[in-house]
Amino acid sequence: MISVPAGLPLLRRGAGATTMRDGGCFVQVAGYLADGHSWSEYATSVHPVIRAAGIKCNDMMSAAARPRLAPLVLQR
């Protein structure tokens, strides 16, 4: 089992929620970690290639498997 770092918003399928408390998509979380304020699936602080791959993987994974992406968000 992969543990999600404390304080990291949960990854959700799709565009995610409007608040971090409710979780977000790969790009929302990566953008927030990169610049401390972005909360958008169009975060400019996330490289376009990482954004495209992150969205595809995030949306294709089951809810049970999605936490396995959390360590990759930290690598952004």
N, C-alpha and C. Protein backbone atom coordinates (compact mmCIF):
# COMPACT_ATOMS: atom_id res chain seq x y z
N MET A 1 0.84 -1.19 0.00
CA MET A 1 0.00 0.00 0.00
C MET A 1 0.88 1.25 0.00
N ILE A 2 0.52 2.21 -0.82
CA ILE A 2 1.27 3.45 -0.92
C ILE A 2 0.60 4.47 -0.01
N SER A 3 1.40 5.14 0.78
CA SER A 3 0.81 6.14 1.67
C SER A 3 0.89 7.52 1.02
N VAL A 4 -0.17 8.26 1.17
CA VAL A 4 -0.24 9.62 0.66
C VAL A 4 0.33 10.54 1.73
N PRO A 5 1.26 11.43 1.37
CA PRO A 5 1.83 12.33 2.36
C PRO A 5 0.75 13.14 3.07
N ALA A 6 0.93 13.33 4.36
CA ALA A 6 -0.03 14.11 5.16
C ALA A 6 -0.18 15.51 4.58
N GLY A 7 -1.41 15.95 4.49
CA GLY A 7 -1.69 17.29 3.99
C GLY A 7 -1.87 17.39 2.49
N LEU A 8 -1.51 16.34 1.75
CA LEU A 8 -1.68 16.36 0.30
C LEU A 8 -3.16 16.12 -0.01
N PRO A 9 -3.79 17.01 -0.78
CA PRO A 9 -5.19 16.79 -1.13
C PRO A 9 -5.36 15.46 -1.86
N LEU A 10 -6.48 14.80 -1.63
CA LEU A 10 -6.75 13.54 -2.30
C LEU A 10 -6.95 13.77 -3.79
N LEU A 11 -6.47 12.83 -4.58
CA LEU A 11 -6.65 12.92 -6.02
C LEU A 11 -8.04 12.41 -6.39
N ARG A 12 -8.70 13.16 -7.26
CA ARG A 12 -10.04 12.81 -7.73
C ARG A 12 -10.02 12.71 -9.24
N ARG A 13 -10.95 11.96 -9.77
CA ARG A 13 -11.11 11.85 -11.21
C ARG A 13 -11.73 13.14 -11.75
N GLY A 14 -11.36 13.51 -12.94
CA GLY A 14 -11.92 14.70 -13.56
C GLY A 14 -11.27 15.97 -13.05
N ALA A 15 -11.95 17.06 -13.19
CA ALA A 15 -11.39 18.36 -12.83
C ALA A 15 -11.25 18.56 -11.34
N GLY A 16 -11.81 17.69 -10.54
CA GLY A 16 -11.69 17.84 -9.10
C GLY A 16 -12.67 18.86 -8.55
N ALA A 17 -12.44 19.20 -7.33
CA ALA A 17 -13.35 20.10 -6.62
C ALA A 17 -12.82 21.53 -6.64
N THR A 18 -13.64 22.44 -6.19
CA THR A 18 -13.23 23.84 -6.16
C THR A 18 -12.38 24.17 -4.95
N THR A 19 -12.35 23.30 -3.96
CA THR A 19 -11.52 23.53 -2.78
C THR A 19 -10.59 22.35 -2.55
N MET A 20 -9.42 22.63 -2.02
CA MET A 20 -8.46 21.56 -1.74
C MET A 20 -9.00 20.53 -0.76
N ARG A 21 -9.80 20.97 0.16
CA ARG A 21 -10.35 20.08 1.18
C ARG A 21 -11.11 18.92 0.55
N ASP A 22 -11.73 19.16 -0.61
CA ASP A 22 -12.51 18.13 -1.29
C ASP A 22 -11.71 17.34 -2.32
N GLY A 23 -10.42 17.62 -2.42
CA GLY A 23 -9.55 16.91 -3.36
C GLY A 23 -9.52 17.56 -4.72
N GLY A 24 -8.61 17.09 -5.56
CA GLY A 24 -8.48 17.68 -6.88
C GLY A 24 -7.82 16.72 -7.84
N CYS A 25 -7.77 17.12 -9.10
CA CYS A 25 -7.12 16.29 -10.11
C CYS A 25 -5.61 16.43 -9.99
N PHE A 26 -4.89 15.61 -10.72
CA PHE A 26 -3.43 15.60 -10.70
C PHE A 26 -2.86 17.00 -10.91
N VAL A 27 -3.35 17.71 -11.91
CA VAL A 27 -2.79 19.02 -12.25
C VAL A 27 -3.14 20.07 -11.20
N GLN A 28 -4.32 20.02 -10.63
CA GLN A 28 -4.67 20.96 -9.57
C GLN A 28 -3.70 20.82 -8.40
N VAL A 29 -3.46 19.60 -7.98
CA VAL A 29 -2.57 19.36 -6.84
C VAL A 29 -1.14 19.73 -7.19
N ALA A 30 -0.67 19.33 -8.36
CA ALA A 30 0.70 19.65 -8.78
C ALA A 30 0.90 21.16 -8.91
N GLY A 31 -0.07 21.85 -9.47
CA GLY A 31 0.02 23.31 -9.60
C GLY A 31 0.10 24.00 -8.26
N TYR A 32 -0.72 23.54 -7.35
CA TYR A 32 -0.70 24.14 -6.00
C TYR A 32 0.65 23.91 -5.33
N LEU A 33 1.18 22.69 -5.45
CA LEU A 33 2.48 22.41 -4.85
C LEU A 33 3.60 23.20 -5.51
N ALA A 34 3.45 23.49 -6.79
CA ALA A 34 4.50 24.21 -7.52
C ALA A 34 4.57 25.68 -7.14
N ASP A 35 3.42 26.32 -7.00
CA ASP A 35 3.47 27.77 -6.78
C ASP A 35 2.73 28.26 -5.54
N GLY A 36 2.07 27.35 -4.85
CA GLY A 36 1.42 27.73 -3.59
C GLY A 36 0.07 28.40 -3.70
N HIS A 37 -0.44 28.59 -4.93
CA HIS A 37 -1.75 29.23 -5.03
C HIS A 37 -2.62 28.73 -6.18
N SER A 38 -2.04 28.16 -7.22
CA SER A 38 -2.86 27.67 -8.35
C SER A 38 -3.74 26.51 -7.91
N TRP A 39 -4.97 26.53 -8.30
CA TRP A 39 -5.89 25.41 -8.07
C TRP A 39 -6.76 25.28 -9.31
N SER A 40 -6.11 24.88 -10.40
CA SER A 40 -6.77 24.79 -11.69
C SER A 40 -6.20 23.62 -12.46
N GLU A 41 -7.02 22.99 -13.31
CA GLU A 41 -6.48 21.93 -14.15
C GLU A 41 -5.71 22.52 -15.31
N TYR A 42 -5.61 23.84 -15.37
CA TYR A 42 -4.83 24.53 -16.40
C TYR A 42 -3.66 25.29 -15.80
N ALA A 43 -3.16 24.83 -14.65
CA ALA A 43 -2.07 25.50 -13.95
C ALA A 43 -0.86 25.66 -14.87
N THR A 44 -0.42 26.90 -15.07
CA THR A 44 0.72 27.15 -15.95
C THR A 44 2.04 26.74 -15.32
N SER A 45 2.05 26.46 -14.03
CA SER A 45 3.27 26.03 -13.35
C SER A 45 3.56 24.55 -13.58
N VAL A 46 2.67 23.84 -14.26
CA VAL A 46 2.86 22.42 -14.58
C VAL A 46 3.18 22.31 -16.07
N HIS A 47 4.28 21.66 -16.38
CA HIS A 47 4.71 21.51 -17.78
C HIS A 47 3.59 20.85 -18.59
N PRO A 48 3.37 21.31 -19.82
CA PRO A 48 2.28 20.78 -20.64
C PRO A 48 2.34 19.26 -20.85
N VAL A 49 3.52 18.69 -20.97
CA VAL A 49 3.62 17.25 -21.16
C VAL A 49 3.23 16.51 -19.88
N ILE A 50 3.69 17.02 -18.74
CA ILE A 50 3.32 16.43 -17.45
C ILE A 50 1.82 16.59 -17.23
N ARG A 51 1.30 17.75 -17.61
CA ARG A 51 -0.15 18.00 -17.47
C ARG A 51 -0.95 16.97 -18.26
N ALA A 52 -0.60 16.77 -19.52
CA ALA A 52 -1.35 15.84 -20.38
C ALA A 52 -1.26 14.41 -19.86
N ALA A 53 -0.06 13.98 -19.49
CA ALA A 53 0.11 12.61 -18.97
C ALA A 53 -0.59 12.45 -17.63
N GLY A 54 -0.48 13.46 -16.78
CA GLY A 54 -1.11 13.39 -15.46
C GLY A 54 -2.62 13.30 -15.55
N ILE A 55 -3.22 14.09 -16.42
CA ILE A 55 -4.67 14.05 -16.59
C ILE A 55 -5.11 12.69 -17.10
N LYS A 56 -4.42 12.18 -18.10
CA LYS A 56 -4.78 10.88 -18.69
C LYS A 56 -4.69 9.77 -17.65
N CYS A 57 -3.57 9.71 -16.94
CA CYS A 57 -3.40 8.66 -15.92
C CYS A 57 -4.40 8.82 -14.79
N ASN A 58 -4.57 10.04 -14.31
CA ASN A 58 -5.49 10.31 -13.22
C ASN A 58 -6.91 9.85 -13.56
N ASP A 59 -7.35 10.15 -14.77
CA ASP A 59 -8.72 9.83 -15.15
C ASP A 59 -8.93 8.35 -15.49
N MET A 60 -7.86 7.67 -15.91
CA MET A 60 -7.99 6.26 -16.27
C MET A 60 -7.91 5.32 -15.06
N MET A 61 -7.34 5.78 -13.98
CA MET A 61 -7.15 4.92 -12.81
C MET A 61 -8.42 4.84 -11.98
N SER A 62 -8.58 3.72 -11.32
CA SER A 62 -9.72 3.56 -10.41
C SER A 62 -9.47 4.40 -9.16
N ALA A 63 -10.52 4.67 -8.42
CA ALA A 63 -10.39 5.43 -7.18
C ALA A 63 -9.45 4.73 -6.20
N ALA A 64 -9.48 3.41 -6.20
CA ALA A 64 -8.62 2.65 -5.28
C ALA A 64 -7.15 2.76 -5.68
N ALA A 65 -6.86 2.82 -6.98
CA ALA A 65 -5.47 2.86 -7.46
C ALA A 65 -4.92 4.29 -7.54
N ARG A 66 -5.78 5.29 -7.63
CA ARG A 66 -5.35 6.67 -7.83
C ARG A 66 -4.34 7.18 -6.80
N PRO A 67 -4.40 6.79 -5.53
CA PRO A 67 -3.39 7.27 -4.59
C PRO A 67 -1.96 6.91 -4.98
N ARG A 68 -1.80 5.92 -5.86
CA ARG A 68 -0.46 5.56 -6.32
C ARG A 68 0.18 6.68 -7.14
N LEU A 69 -0.62 7.63 -7.62
CA LEU A 69 -0.08 8.76 -8.37
C LEU A 69 0.48 9.85 -7.45
N ALA A 70 0.09 9.84 -6.20
CA ALA A 70 0.49 10.91 -5.27
C ALA A 70 2.00 11.16 -5.25
N PRO A 71 2.85 10.14 -5.20
CA PRO A 71 4.29 10.43 -5.20
C PRO A 71 4.74 11.13 -6.49
N LEU A 72 4.06 10.88 -7.61
CA LEU A 72 4.42 11.53 -8.86
C LEU A 72 4.03 13.00 -8.87
N VAL A 73 2.95 13.34 -8.18
CA VAL A 73 2.53 14.75 -8.08
C VAL A 73 3.64 15.54 -7.40
N LEU A 74 4.25 14.94 -6.43
CA LEU A 74 5.32 15.62 -5.70
C LEU A 74 6.54 15.88 -6.58
N GLN A 75 6.69 15.10 -7.66
CA GLN A 75 7.83 15.25 -8.56
C GLN A 75 7.60 16.33 -9.61
N ARG A 76 6.34 16.67 -9.88
CA ARG A 76 5.89 17.57 -10.92
C ARG A 76 7.02 18.05 -11.78
